[in-house]
N, C-alpha and C. Protein backbone atom coordinates (compact mmCIF):
# COMPACT_ATOMS: atom_id res chain seq x y z
N MET A 1 18.24 11.05 -9.15
CA MET A 1 17.10 12.06 -9.02
C MET A 1 17.56 13.35 -10.19
N ASN A 2 16.62 13.95 -10.93
CA ASN A 2 16.76 15.01 -11.66
C ASN A 2 17.38 16.25 -10.76
N ASP A 3 18.42 16.84 -11.04
CA ASP A 3 18.97 18.00 -10.41
C ASP A 3 18.88 19.11 -11.05
N LYS A 4 17.92 19.36 -12.00
CA LYS A 4 17.71 20.28 -12.53
C LYS A 4 17.27 21.79 -11.46
N LYS A 5 17.95 22.91 -11.78
CA LYS A 5 17.55 24.02 -10.84
C LYS A 5 16.14 24.50 -10.74
N ILE A 6 15.47 24.06 -9.50
CA ILE A 6 14.43 24.92 -9.00
C ILE A 6 14.17 26.20 -8.63
N SER A 7 13.33 26.98 -8.96
CA SER A 7 13.34 28.17 -8.46
C SER A 7 13.19 28.73 -6.97
N LYS A 8 13.74 29.42 -6.58
CA LYS A 8 13.45 29.71 -5.19
C LYS A 8 12.35 30.19 -4.56
N LEU A 9 11.94 29.76 -3.67
CA LEU A 9 10.55 29.85 -2.90
C LEU A 9 10.50 31.26 -1.99
N VAL A 10 9.40 32.48 -2.05
CA VAL A 10 9.46 33.17 -1.30
C VAL A 10 7.88 33.24 -0.48
N LEU A 11 7.90 33.54 0.60
CA LEU A 11 6.62 33.74 1.32
C LEU A 11 5.75 34.90 0.67
N PRO A 12 4.47 34.92 0.46
CA PRO A 12 3.95 36.00 0.07
C PRO A 12 3.62 36.97 0.99
N ASP A 13 3.45 38.24 0.60
CA ASP A 13 2.74 39.38 1.54
C ASP A 13 3.75 39.77 2.47
N ASN A 14 4.96 39.52 2.55
CA ASN A 14 6.08 39.84 3.43
C ASN A 14 5.60 39.16 4.88
N LYS A 15 5.50 37.79 4.66
CA LYS A 15 5.13 36.93 5.66
C LYS A 15 6.61 36.48 6.07
N SER A 16 6.73 35.95 7.21
CA SER A 16 8.11 35.62 7.46
C SER A 16 8.32 34.15 8.14
N LYS A 17 7.06 33.56 8.60
CA LYS A 17 7.46 32.39 9.55
C LYS A 17 6.05 31.20 9.01
N LEU A 18 6.36 30.23 8.35
CA LEU A 18 5.59 29.46 7.88
C LEU A 18 5.11 28.01 8.84
N LEU A 19 4.04 27.79 9.00
CA LEU A 19 3.46 26.35 9.54
C LEU A 19 2.82 25.55 8.38
N LEU A 20 3.51 24.58 8.32
CA LEU A 20 3.10 23.76 7.04
C LEU A 20 2.43 22.31 7.76
N HIS A 21 1.28 22.40 7.28
CA HIS A 21 0.33 20.90 7.51
C HIS A 21 0.67 20.13 6.69
N SER A 22 1.25 18.96 7.02
CA SER A 22 1.76 17.93 6.38
C SER A 22 0.83 16.60 6.46
N CYS A 23 0.43 15.89 5.30
CA CYS A 23 -0.28 14.67 5.59
C CYS A 23 0.59 13.58 5.52
N CYS A 24 1.65 13.13 4.93
CA CYS A 24 2.34 12.18 4.79
C CYS A 24 3.95 12.51 4.49
N ALA A 25 4.71 11.56 4.61
CA ALA A 25 6.25 12.01 4.17
C ALA A 25 6.30 11.94 2.48
N PRO A 26 5.41 11.20 1.73
CA PRO A 26 5.59 11.01 0.36
C PRO A 26 5.00 12.52 -0.31
N CYS A 27 4.04 13.18 0.00
CA CYS A 27 3.39 14.12 -0.16
C CYS A 27 4.35 15.57 0.25
N SER A 28 4.92 15.27 1.34
CA SER A 28 5.66 16.51 2.00
C SER A 28 7.14 16.40 1.48
N GLY A 29 7.90 15.28 1.08
CA GLY A 29 9.31 15.35 1.21
C GLY A 29 9.99 16.58 -0.23
N ASP A 30 9.57 16.53 -0.93
CA ASP A 30 10.02 17.44 -2.01
C ASP A 30 9.87 19.00 -1.59
N ILE A 31 8.41 18.88 -0.88
CA ILE A 31 8.09 20.36 -0.54
C ILE A 31 9.07 21.32 0.82
N MET A 32 9.27 20.07 1.59
CA MET A 32 10.17 20.16 2.62
C MET A 32 11.48 20.66 2.36
N LYS A 33 12.04 19.91 1.31
CA LYS A 33 13.21 20.32 0.55
C LYS A 33 13.33 21.37 0.05
N ARG A 34 12.40 21.78 -0.60
CA ARG A 34 12.35 23.20 -1.72
C ARG A 34 12.22 24.32 -0.42
N LEU A 35 11.54 24.15 0.45
CA LEU A 35 11.32 25.22 1.60
C LEU A 35 12.82 25.48 2.26
N LEU A 36 13.61 24.28 2.45
CA LEU A 36 14.57 24.48 3.16
C LEU A 36 15.88 25.04 2.28
N ASP A 37 15.70 24.56 1.25
CA ASP A 37 16.55 25.16 0.16
C ASP A 37 16.46 26.79 -0.11
N SER A 38 15.33 27.13 0.05
CA SER A 38 14.63 28.67 -0.18
C SER A 38 15.10 29.13 1.42
N ASP A 39 15.65 28.77 2.13
CA ASP A 39 16.01 29.42 3.40
C ASP A 39 14.54 30.02 4.42
N ILE A 40 13.46 29.31 3.85
CA ILE A 40 12.26 29.89 4.69
C ILE A 40 12.12 29.13 5.74
N ASP A 41 11.89 30.02 6.86
CA ASP A 41 11.69 29.76 8.42
C ASP A 41 10.14 28.77 8.40
N TYR A 42 10.45 27.55 8.74
CA TYR A 42 8.96 26.97 8.68
C TYR A 42 9.05 25.73 9.72
N THR A 43 7.77 25.42 10.28
CA THR A 43 7.71 24.04 10.99
C THR A 43 6.64 23.05 10.50
N VAL A 44 6.91 22.04 10.50
CA VAL A 44 5.56 20.64 9.98
C VAL A 44 4.79 20.71 11.28
N PHE A 45 3.46 20.42 10.86
CA PHE A 45 2.55 20.53 11.56
C PHE A 45 1.73 19.15 11.16
N PHE A 46 1.80 18.13 11.86
CA PHE A 46 1.27 16.94 11.65
C PHE A 46 0.07 16.62 12.42
N TYR A 47 -1.24 16.90 11.76
CA TYR A 47 -2.19 16.70 12.25
C TYR A 47 -3.40 16.14 11.31
N ASN A 48 -3.77 14.75 11.49
CA ASN A 48 -4.39 13.95 10.55
C ASN A 48 -5.13 13.09 11.15
N PRO A 49 -6.29 13.41 12.06
CA PRO A 49 -7.24 12.50 12.75
C PRO A 49 -8.05 11.57 11.72
N ASN A 50 -7.79 11.87 10.49
CA ASN A 50 -8.71 11.12 9.63
C ASN A 50 -8.39 9.67 9.27
N ILE A 51 -6.91 9.47 9.44
CA ILE A 51 -6.05 8.28 8.90
C ILE A 51 -6.45 7.33 9.60
N HIS A 52 -6.79 6.36 9.16
CA HIS A 52 -7.23 4.86 9.51
C HIS A 52 -6.53 3.80 8.89
N PRO A 53 -6.44 2.64 9.65
CA PRO A 53 -6.39 2.30 11.12
C PRO A 53 -5.29 3.30 11.90
N HIS A 54 -5.30 2.90 13.03
CA HIS A 54 -4.21 3.63 13.82
C HIS A 54 -2.68 3.06 13.09
N GLU A 55 -2.77 2.23 13.07
CA GLU A 55 -1.49 1.31 12.48
C GLU A 55 -0.82 2.17 11.42
N GLU A 56 -1.92 2.53 10.57
CA GLU A 56 -1.57 3.58 9.21
C GLU A 56 -1.15 5.01 9.62
N TYR A 57 -1.97 5.38 10.65
CA TYR A 57 -1.43 6.56 11.02
C TYR A 57 -0.10 6.59 11.92
N MET A 58 0.35 5.86 12.41
CA MET A 58 1.65 5.71 13.02
C MET A 58 2.53 5.59 11.88
N LEU A 59 2.26 4.66 10.86
CA LEU A 59 3.44 4.62 9.68
C LEU A 59 3.69 5.80 9.08
N ARG A 60 2.68 6.55 8.79
CA ARG A 60 2.80 7.90 8.00
C ARG A 60 3.48 8.90 9.12
N LYS A 61 2.89 9.15 10.09
CA LYS A 61 3.50 10.19 11.07
C LYS A 61 5.05 9.86 11.20
N GLU A 62 5.30 8.66 11.76
CA GLU A 62 6.38 8.11 12.38
C GLU A 62 7.83 8.49 11.19
N GLU A 63 7.17 8.08 9.71
CA GLU A 63 8.12 8.47 8.45
C GLU A 63 8.37 9.76 8.43
N ASN A 64 7.19 10.67 8.46
CA ASN A 64 7.21 12.07 8.37
C ASN A 64 8.17 12.82 9.54
N MET A 65 7.98 12.17 10.63
CA MET A 65 8.91 12.77 11.76
C MET A 65 10.29 12.48 11.70
N SER A 66 10.80 11.22 11.05
CA SER A 66 12.07 10.77 10.91
C SER A 66 12.81 11.61 9.72
N PHE A 67 11.80 12.18 8.76
CA PHE A 67 12.51 12.73 7.41
C PHE A 67 12.65 14.30 7.83
N ALA A 68 11.58 14.68 8.73
CA ALA A 68 11.86 15.89 9.49
C ALA A 68 13.31 16.20 10.19
N LYS A 69 13.41 15.09 11.26
CA LYS A 69 14.58 14.92 12.08
C LYS A 69 15.57 14.63 11.20
N LYS A 70 15.72 14.13 10.00
CA LYS A 70 17.07 13.84 9.11
C LYS A 70 17.58 15.51 8.50
N TYR A 71 16.62 16.36 8.43
CA TYR A 71 16.93 17.45 7.76
C TYR A 71 17.05 18.76 8.82
N LYS A 72 16.79 18.53 10.20
CA LYS A 72 16.57 19.13 11.34
C LYS A 72 15.62 20.29 11.08
N ILE A 73 14.42 19.86 10.73
CA ILE A 73 13.32 20.61 10.48
C ILE A 73 12.41 20.37 11.70
N PRO A 74 12.04 21.81 12.07
CA PRO A 74 10.99 21.42 13.44
C PRO A 74 9.62 21.07 13.05
N PHE A 75 9.24 19.66 14.08
CA PHE A 75 8.10 18.91 13.75
C PHE A 75 7.20 18.95 14.98
N ILE A 76 5.91 19.36 14.60
CA ILE A 76 4.99 19.35 15.85
C ILE A 76 4.02 18.14 15.54
N ASP A 77 4.01 17.26 16.47
CA ASP A 77 3.33 16.19 16.54
C ASP A 77 1.83 16.48 17.29
N ALA A 78 0.97 16.87 16.54
CA ALA A 78 -0.58 17.25 17.07
C ALA A 78 -1.30 15.91 17.64
N ASP A 79 -2.55 16.05 18.20
CA ASP A 79 -3.29 15.16 18.73
C ASP A 79 -3.87 14.54 17.79
N TYR A 80 -4.10 12.97 17.89
CA TYR A 80 -4.71 12.14 17.24
C TYR A 80 -5.99 12.12 17.61
N ASN A 81 -7.22 12.39 17.25
CA ASN A 81 -8.48 12.12 17.95
C ASN A 81 -9.67 11.78 16.56
N PRO A 82 -9.51 10.53 16.53
CA PRO A 82 -10.41 9.89 15.39
C PRO A 82 -11.73 9.88 15.42
N ARG A 83 -12.15 10.10 16.91
CA ARG A 83 -13.41 10.31 17.46
C ARG A 83 -14.15 11.39 16.83
N ALA A 84 -13.33 12.63 17.23
CA ALA A 84 -13.97 13.97 16.54
C ALA A 84 -13.80 14.09 15.19
N TRP A 85 -13.14 13.13 14.50
CA TRP A 85 -13.24 13.09 12.83
C TRP A 85 -14.59 12.41 12.92
N PHE A 86 -14.88 11.13 13.30
CA PHE A 86 -15.79 10.56 12.93
C PHE A 86 -17.26 11.34 13.23
N GLU A 87 -17.21 11.99 14.17
CA GLU A 87 -18.51 12.98 14.73
C GLU A 87 -18.47 13.97 13.71
N ILE A 88 -17.30 14.45 13.25
CA ILE A 88 -17.89 15.86 12.28
C ILE A 88 -18.12 15.43 10.88
N THR A 89 -17.82 13.77 10.39
CA THR A 89 -18.17 13.67 9.38
C THR A 89 -19.52 12.55 9.30
N LYS A 90 -19.95 12.53 10.40
CA LYS A 90 -21.26 11.73 10.39
C LYS A 90 -22.32 12.15 9.43
N GLY A 91 -22.50 11.16 8.77
CA GLY A 91 -23.97 11.02 7.55
C GLY A 91 -23.20 11.39 6.34
N MET A 92 -21.56 11.63 6.25
CA MET A 92 -21.34 11.80 5.17
C MET A 92 -20.54 10.58 4.50
N GLU A 93 -20.82 9.58 5.25
CA GLU A 93 -20.08 8.08 5.02
C GLU A 93 -20.23 7.62 3.40
N HIS A 94 -21.09 8.10 2.86
CA HIS A 94 -20.99 7.63 1.20
C HIS A 94 -20.86 9.10 0.27
N GLU A 95 -20.08 10.00 0.55
CA GLU A 95 -19.76 10.84 -0.16
C GLU A 95 -18.74 10.50 -1.10
N PRO A 96 -18.67 11.12 -2.16
CA PRO A 96 -17.51 10.43 -3.00
C PRO A 96 -15.95 11.23 -2.64
N GLU A 97 -15.15 11.22 -3.29
CA GLU A 97 -13.69 11.31 -3.08
C GLU A 97 -13.89 12.90 -3.87
N ARG A 98 -13.23 13.70 -3.13
CA ARG A 98 -13.60 15.37 -3.47
C ARG A 98 -15.11 15.70 -3.01
N GLY A 99 -15.67 15.24 -2.72
CA GLY A 99 -16.95 15.58 -2.00
C GLY A 99 -17.06 16.38 -0.90
N LYS A 100 -18.29 16.71 -0.17
CA LYS A 100 -18.66 17.37 1.07
C LYS A 100 -17.59 16.81 2.20
N ARG A 101 -17.44 15.49 2.24
CA ARG A 101 -16.80 14.91 3.39
C ARG A 101 -15.18 15.38 3.12
N CYS A 102 -14.68 15.22 2.19
CA CYS A 102 -13.42 16.06 2.14
C CYS A 102 -13.01 17.46 2.44
N SER A 103 -14.28 18.35 1.73
CA SER A 103 -14.12 19.68 2.47
C SER A 103 -14.42 19.73 4.00
N THR A 104 -15.07 18.97 4.72
CA THR A 104 -15.21 18.92 5.96
C THR A 104 -13.80 18.68 6.73
N CYS A 105 -13.46 17.53 6.35
CA CYS A 105 -12.17 16.97 6.56
C CYS A 105 -10.90 17.95 6.65
N PHE A 106 -10.64 18.62 5.59
CA PHE A 106 -9.74 19.74 5.38
C PHE A 106 -10.07 21.09 6.23
N ASP A 107 -11.20 21.20 6.49
CA ASP A 107 -11.54 22.56 7.21
C ASP A 107 -11.11 21.95 9.00
N MET A 108 -11.56 21.04 9.02
CA MET A 108 -11.20 20.53 10.47
C MET A 108 -9.62 20.52 10.77
N ARG A 109 -8.91 19.93 9.96
CA ARG A 109 -7.31 19.77 10.09
C ARG A 109 -6.60 21.49 9.56
N PHE A 110 -7.36 22.13 8.82
CA PHE A 110 -6.69 23.71 8.77
C PHE A 110 -7.03 24.44 9.75
N ILE A 111 -8.23 24.17 10.46
CA ILE A 111 -8.46 25.33 11.48
C ILE A 111 -7.64 24.77 12.58
N LYS A 112 -7.57 23.44 12.98
CA LYS A 112 -6.28 23.13 13.89
C LYS A 112 -4.79 23.50 13.67
N THR A 113 -4.69 23.62 12.19
CA THR A 113 -3.38 24.52 12.08
C THR A 113 -3.29 25.75 12.28
N SER A 114 -4.34 26.47 11.99
CA SER A 114 -4.69 27.74 12.23
C SER A 114 -4.46 28.34 13.56
N GLU A 115 -5.22 27.71 14.45
CA GLU A 115 -5.26 27.83 15.76
C GLU A 115 -3.88 27.69 16.28
N TYR A 116 -2.85 26.86 15.92
CA TYR A 116 -1.90 26.30 16.44
C TYR A 116 -0.88 28.01 16.12
N ALA A 117 -1.03 28.11 14.81
CA ALA A 117 -0.21 29.06 14.14
C ALA A 117 -0.34 30.38 15.09
N TYR A 118 -1.49 30.62 15.12
CA TYR A 118 -2.10 32.00 15.64
C TYR A 118 -1.32 32.04 17.22
N ASN A 119 -1.48 30.98 17.88
CA ASN A 119 -1.00 30.99 19.12
C ASN A 119 0.40 30.86 19.32
N ASN A 120 1.12 30.52 18.28
CA ASN A 120 2.60 30.24 18.30
C ASN A 120 3.71 31.07 17.51
N GLY A 121 3.04 32.37 17.15
CA GLY A 121 3.82 33.43 16.65
C GLY A 121 4.05 33.11 14.86
N PHE A 122 3.22 32.08 14.40
CA PHE A 122 3.37 31.90 12.79
C PHE A 122 2.52 32.86 12.03
N ASP A 123 2.73 33.53 10.93
CA ASP A 123 1.97 34.33 10.33
C ASP A 123 1.32 33.94 8.88
N ILE A 124 1.54 32.78 8.66
CA ILE A 124 0.91 31.78 7.49
C ILE A 124 1.06 30.67 7.50
N ILE A 125 0.02 30.06 7.17
CA ILE A 125 -0.18 28.45 7.02
C ILE A 125 -0.19 28.10 5.52
N SER A 126 0.07 26.81 5.13
CA SER A 126 -0.24 26.20 4.23
C SER A 126 0.06 24.41 4.12
N SER A 127 -0.13 23.78 3.14
CA SER A 127 -0.48 22.34 3.32
C SER A 127 0.38 21.59 2.25
N THR A 128 0.59 20.25 2.70
CA THR A 128 1.28 19.68 1.31
C THR A 128 0.15 18.73 0.50
N LEU A 129 -1.16 18.84 1.23
CA LEU A 129 -1.98 18.01 0.50
C LEU A 129 -2.27 18.23 -1.19
N GLY A 130 -1.92 19.42 -1.51
CA GLY A 130 -2.29 20.19 -2.85
C GLY A 130 -1.35 19.60 -3.75
N ILE A 131 -0.27 18.80 -3.36
CA ILE A 131 0.54 18.52 -4.40
C ILE A 131 0.08 17.11 -5.05
N SER A 132 -0.90 16.43 -4.74
CA SER A 132 -1.42 15.00 -5.09
C SER A 132 -2.27 15.36 -6.36
N ARG A 133 -2.13 14.96 -7.38
CA ARG A 133 -2.94 15.16 -8.48
C ARG A 133 -4.36 14.58 -8.21
N TRP A 134 -4.26 13.55 -7.08
CA TRP A 134 -5.78 13.07 -6.85
C TRP A 134 -6.59 13.78 -6.14
N LYS A 135 -5.99 15.06 -5.77
CA LYS A 135 -6.67 15.84 -4.83
C LYS A 135 -7.42 17.19 -5.55
N ASP A 136 -8.46 17.66 -5.12
CA ASP A 136 -8.78 18.99 -5.94
C ASP A 136 -8.22 20.32 -5.29
N MET A 137 -7.30 20.70 -6.06
CA MET A 137 -6.41 21.73 -5.15
C MET A 137 -7.27 23.06 -4.85
N ASN A 138 -8.32 23.40 -5.54
CA ASN A 138 -9.26 24.42 -5.33
C ASN A 138 -9.76 24.19 -4.21
N GLN A 139 -10.60 22.94 -3.79
CA GLN A 139 -11.26 22.88 -2.68
C GLN A 139 -10.11 22.66 -1.52
N ILE A 140 -8.96 22.53 -1.75
CA ILE A 140 -8.20 22.56 -0.29
C ILE A 140 -7.93 23.91 -0.23
N ASN A 141 -7.60 24.96 -1.23
CA ASN A 141 -7.25 26.11 -1.08
C ASN A 141 -8.54 26.77 -0.21
N ILE A 142 -9.89 26.86 -0.84
CA ILE A 142 -10.88 27.17 -0.06
C ILE A 142 -11.02 27.02 1.32
N SER A 143 -10.46 25.60 1.59
CA SER A 143 -10.55 25.22 3.24
C SER A 143 -9.52 26.18 3.69
N GLY A 144 -8.21 26.07 3.39
CA GLY A 144 -7.21 26.89 3.67
C GLY A 144 -7.56 28.17 4.22
N LYS A 145 -8.22 28.90 3.37
CA LYS A 145 -8.20 30.37 3.11
C LYS A 145 -9.56 30.69 4.31
N TYR A 146 -10.27 29.85 4.37
CA TYR A 146 -11.45 29.74 5.25
C TYR A 146 -10.85 29.53 6.69
N ALA A 147 -10.19 28.58 7.01
CA ALA A 147 -9.56 28.36 8.35
C ALA A 147 -8.80 29.45 8.70
N ALA A 148 -7.89 30.03 7.78
CA ALA A 148 -6.98 31.33 8.40
C ALA A 148 -7.61 32.48 8.29
N SER A 149 -8.92 32.84 7.65
CA SER A 149 -9.32 33.95 8.03
C SER A 149 -10.27 33.94 9.44
N LYS A 150 -9.96 33.00 9.99
CA LYS A 150 -10.53 33.04 11.64
C LYS A 150 -9.70 33.52 12.49
N PHE A 151 -8.26 33.65 12.14
CA PHE A 151 -7.60 34.26 12.87
C PHE A 151 -6.83 35.43 12.54
N LYS A 152 -6.84 36.52 13.19
CA LYS A 152 -6.44 37.84 12.78
C LYS A 152 -5.00 37.96 12.45
N GLY A 153 -4.64 38.15 11.58
CA GLY A 153 -3.06 38.48 10.88
C GLY A 153 -2.42 37.13 10.16
N LEU A 154 -3.36 36.03 10.11
CA LEU A 154 -3.16 34.84 9.56
C LEU A 154 -3.36 34.62 8.08
N SER A 155 -2.58 34.26 7.15
CA SER A 155 -2.90 34.15 5.95
C SER A 155 -2.46 32.69 5.46
N TYR A 156 -3.10 32.10 4.36
CA TYR A 156 -3.14 30.64 3.88
C TYR A 156 -2.34 31.12 2.48
N TRP A 157 -1.29 30.31 2.54
CA TRP A 157 -0.34 30.39 1.04
C TRP A 157 -0.96 29.11 0.29
N ASP A 158 -1.51 29.76 -0.79
CA ASP A 158 -2.12 28.80 -1.81
C ASP A 158 -1.24 28.45 -2.97
N PHE A 159 0.16 28.44 -2.83
CA PHE A 159 1.05 27.98 -3.57
C PHE A 159 0.87 26.59 -4.39
N ASN A 160 0.79 26.64 -5.85
CA ASN A 160 0.80 25.48 -6.51
C ASN A 160 1.98 24.77 -6.49
N TRP A 161 2.04 23.73 -5.61
CA TRP A 161 3.20 22.66 -5.21
C TRP A 161 3.52 22.00 -6.55
N ARG A 162 2.65 21.80 -7.46
CA ARG A 162 2.79 20.83 -8.60
C ARG A 162 3.63 21.63 -9.86
N LYS A 163 3.80 22.84 -9.74
CA LYS A 163 4.46 23.68 -10.52
C LYS A 163 6.18 23.12 -10.65
N GLU A 164 6.43 23.16 -11.78
CA GLU A 164 7.88 22.87 -12.43
C GLU A 164 8.12 21.21 -11.80
N ASN A 165 7.00 20.67 -12.22
CA ASN A 165 6.99 19.07 -12.20
C ASN A 165 7.01 18.55 -10.41
N GLY A 166 6.39 19.61 -9.75
CA GLY A 166 6.35 18.93 -8.48
C GLY A 166 5.67 17.86 -8.29
N SER A 167 4.87 17.29 -8.92
CA SER A 167 4.00 15.78 -8.64
C SER A 167 5.11 14.56 -8.95
N HIS A 168 5.71 15.17 -10.14
CA HIS A 168 6.96 14.24 -10.39
C HIS A 168 8.05 13.95 -9.55
N ARG A 169 8.59 15.26 -9.11
CA ARG A 169 9.52 15.29 -8.01
C ARG A 169 9.04 14.63 -6.95
N MET A 170 7.80 14.79 -6.57
CA MET A 170 7.44 14.13 -5.22
C MET A 170 7.73 12.37 -5.06
N ILE A 171 7.29 11.99 -6.24
CA ILE A 171 7.50 10.52 -6.53
C ILE A 171 9.10 10.18 -6.50
N GLU A 172 9.93 11.16 -7.22
CA GLU A 172 11.42 10.80 -7.17
C GLU A 172 12.09 10.99 -5.58
N VAL A 173 11.76 12.03 -4.89
CA VAL A 173 11.99 11.76 -3.71
C VAL A 173 11.41 10.52 -2.93
N SER A 174 10.17 10.21 -3.16
CA SER A 174 9.96 9.19 -2.05
C SER A 174 10.46 7.92 -2.64
N LYS A 175 10.95 7.86 -3.83
CA LYS A 175 11.69 6.67 -4.31
C LYS A 175 13.15 6.83 -3.60
N ASP A 176 13.77 7.86 -3.77
CA ASP A 176 15.09 8.05 -3.38
C ASP A 176 15.11 7.87 -1.63
N GLU A 177 14.20 8.29 -0.86
CA GLU A 177 14.34 8.05 0.52
C GLU A 177 13.61 6.80 0.74
N GLY A 178 12.85 5.98 0.02
CA GLY A 178 12.45 4.79 0.39
C GLY A 178 11.11 4.81 1.13
N PHE A 179 10.39 5.76 0.94
CA PHE A 179 9.21 6.01 1.75
C PHE A 179 7.96 5.11 1.34
N TYR A 180 6.97 5.02 2.30
CA TYR A 180 6.12 4.17 2.26
C TYR A 180 5.23 4.68 1.64
N MET A 181 4.66 4.10 0.49
CA MET A 181 3.72 4.88 -0.47
C MET A 181 2.33 4.32 -0.17
N GLN A 182 1.53 4.87 0.18
CA GLN A 182 0.30 4.14 0.55
C GLN A 182 -0.59 4.15 -0.69
N GLU A 183 -1.58 3.41 -0.64
CA GLU A 183 -2.55 3.21 -1.84
C GLU A 183 -3.87 3.93 -1.44
N TYR A 184 -4.16 4.63 -0.45
CA TYR A 184 -5.17 5.28 -0.56
C TYR A 184 -5.10 6.60 0.55
N CYS A 185 -6.29 7.47 0.17
CA CYS A 185 -6.20 8.73 0.70
C CYS A 185 -5.63 8.67 2.41
N GLY A 186 -6.52 8.12 3.23
CA GLY A 186 -6.17 7.71 4.72
C GLY A 186 -7.45 7.45 5.28
N CYS A 187 -8.59 7.81 5.22
CA CYS A 187 -9.62 7.62 5.90
C CYS A 187 -10.09 6.25 5.60
N VAL A 188 -11.15 5.78 6.49
CA VAL A 188 -11.58 4.42 6.46
C VAL A 188 -12.67 4.23 5.37
N TYR A 189 -13.26 5.38 4.85
CA TYR A 189 -14.08 5.53 3.53
C TYR A 189 -13.26 5.33 2.40
N SER A 190 -12.02 6.22 2.31
CA SER A 190 -11.39 5.93 1.26
C SER A 190 -10.83 4.51 1.31
N LEU A 191 -10.37 3.84 2.24
CA LEU A 191 -9.93 2.62 2.34
C LEU A 191 -11.14 1.66 1.52
N ARG A 192 -11.91 1.68 2.18
CA ARG A 192 -13.36 0.89 1.82
C ARG A 192 -13.55 1.12 0.19
N ASP A 193 -13.37 2.38 -0.31
CA ASP A 193 -13.97 2.52 -1.67
C ASP A 193 -12.68 1.90 -2.66
N THR A 194 -11.21 2.35 -2.22
CA THR A 194 -10.36 1.82 -3.03
C THR A 194 -10.23 0.27 -2.76
N ASN A 195 -10.59 -0.26 -1.89
CA ASN A 195 -10.63 -1.83 -1.79
C ASN A 195 -11.71 -2.58 -2.81
N LYS A 196 -12.76 -1.61 -2.67
CA LYS A 196 -14.00 -1.95 -3.79
C LYS A 196 -13.34 -1.85 -5.41
N TRP A 197 -12.89 -0.61 -5.40
CA TRP A 197 -12.16 -0.87 -6.92
C TRP A 197 -11.25 -1.63 -7.00
N ARG A 198 -10.29 -1.90 -6.10
CA ARG A 198 -9.61 -2.98 -6.64
C ARG A 198 -10.26 -4.60 -6.86
N THR A 199 -11.05 -4.77 -5.77
CA THR A 199 -11.81 -6.04 -6.08
C THR A 199 -12.38 -6.02 -7.67
N ILE A 200 -13.02 -5.09 -8.09
CA ILE A 200 -13.80 -4.91 -9.43
C ILE A 200 -12.75 -5.35 -10.39
N ASN A 201 -11.42 -4.66 -10.18
CA ASN A 201 -10.66 -4.86 -11.02
C ASN A 201 -9.53 -5.90 -10.93
N LEU A 202 -9.92 -6.86 -10.09
CA LEU A 202 -9.28 -7.93 -10.00
C LEU A 202 -7.97 -7.94 -9.24
N LYS A 203 -7.65 -6.76 -8.56
CA LYS A 203 -6.38 -6.57 -7.80
C LYS A 203 -6.24 -7.00 -6.27
N PRO A 204 -5.57 -7.28 -5.60
CA PRO A 204 -5.50 -7.58 -4.14
C PRO A 204 -5.93 -6.34 -3.60
N LYS A 205 -6.68 -6.86 -2.09
CA LYS A 205 -7.15 -5.49 -1.24
C LYS A 205 -5.87 -5.12 -0.74
N ILE A 206 -5.80 -4.02 -0.40
CA ILE A 206 -4.85 -3.07 0.80
C ILE A 206 -4.01 -3.88 1.57
N LYS A 207 -2.80 -4.14 1.67
CA LYS A 207 -2.33 -4.30 2.93
C LYS A 207 -1.65 -3.25 3.33
N ILE A 208 -2.06 -2.91 4.94
CA ILE A 208 -1.48 -1.77 5.57
C ILE A 208 0.24 -2.03 5.89
N GLY A 209 1.01 -0.97 5.51
CA GLY A 209 2.25 -1.24 5.60
C GLY A 209 3.04 -1.71 4.19
N LEU A 210 2.37 -2.03 3.22
CA LEU A 210 2.93 -2.43 1.79
C LEU A 210 2.85 -1.53 0.83
N SER A 211 3.91 -0.94 0.62
CA SER A 211 3.72 0.17 -0.24
C SER A 211 3.56 -0.28 -1.74
N TYR A 212 2.93 0.58 -2.47
CA TYR A 212 2.52 -0.01 -3.73
C TYR A 212 3.29 -0.16 -4.61
N TYR A 213 4.73 0.58 -4.40
CA TYR A 213 5.83 0.17 -5.35
C TYR A 213 6.34 -1.14 -5.00
N SER A 214 5.82 -1.98 -4.06
CA SER A 214 6.37 -3.18 -4.11
C SER A 214 5.26 -4.32 -4.80
N HIS A 215 4.31 -3.63 -5.59
CA HIS A 215 3.33 -4.40 -6.26
C HIS A 215 4.01 -4.30 -7.87
N SER A 216 3.90 -5.33 -8.50
CA SER A 216 4.16 -5.45 -10.37
C SER A 216 3.33 -4.44 -10.93
N ASP A 217 2.25 -4.42 -10.49
CA ASP A 217 1.47 -3.33 -11.21
C ASP A 217 1.78 -1.90 -11.10
N LYS A 218 2.43 -1.53 -9.96
CA LYS A 218 2.89 -0.35 -10.02
C LYS A 218 1.43 0.54 -9.66
N ASP A 219 0.36 0.17 -9.08
CA ASP A 219 -0.66 1.03 -9.38
C ASP A 219 -0.94 2.35 -8.22
N THR A 220 -0.78 3.22 -9.06
CA THR A 220 -0.93 4.69 -7.95
C THR A 220 -2.36 5.30 -8.12
N SER A 221 -3.40 4.16 -8.44
CA SER A 221 -4.75 4.91 -8.40
C SER A 221 -5.34 5.76 -7.31
N ASN A 222 -4.81 5.59 -6.10
CA ASN A 222 -5.56 6.31 -5.06
C ASN A 222 -4.71 6.89 -4.23
N ASN A 223 -3.52 7.38 -4.37
CA ASN A 223 -2.51 7.79 -3.47
C ASN A 223 -2.90 9.65 -3.65
């Protein structure tokens, strides 16, 4: 892995305690290490009721939890309530990636993150979701700021985790740690649409638990 010096991170606006929403170990690994190296007081918050099926959810959560344990980083395992997620996204089944359904999903996860932060002494939240180039960072930041604004004294840190080759380092850390690199965003609809794309392009459908680094084509189309 490239050991080039990375600039030290500093929380904005004199904030002191960060609650970091995490979606999975691959997206979180480099961010978690950067925060640790920057001596920032933070805790990981895993709340992702969108992830489907349950087997996939457990793979992502347990790997993220194990990585946090390895570096002695506090980790909050929040409730898995997919029924609530399906209810809140009802009628959006055919929205495209980066569409209204994604905003609704981000809102749900960030409001839960903000609520926990407010009730447990954190003064700022952020998320690892924005490091992926397949996500709309502006869409994520809008949801994060909206959620944090509902709780007095809480802020959302819209730091661009892709800076200083963050997306590249994310892949490097994932390879070094042997992370399970999933092939779709997480929800049942992204799984459906990814499999449709793969079928059209004469590729095998996704197999839960099989990292795309196991494929000879190294397909990263839907991470």
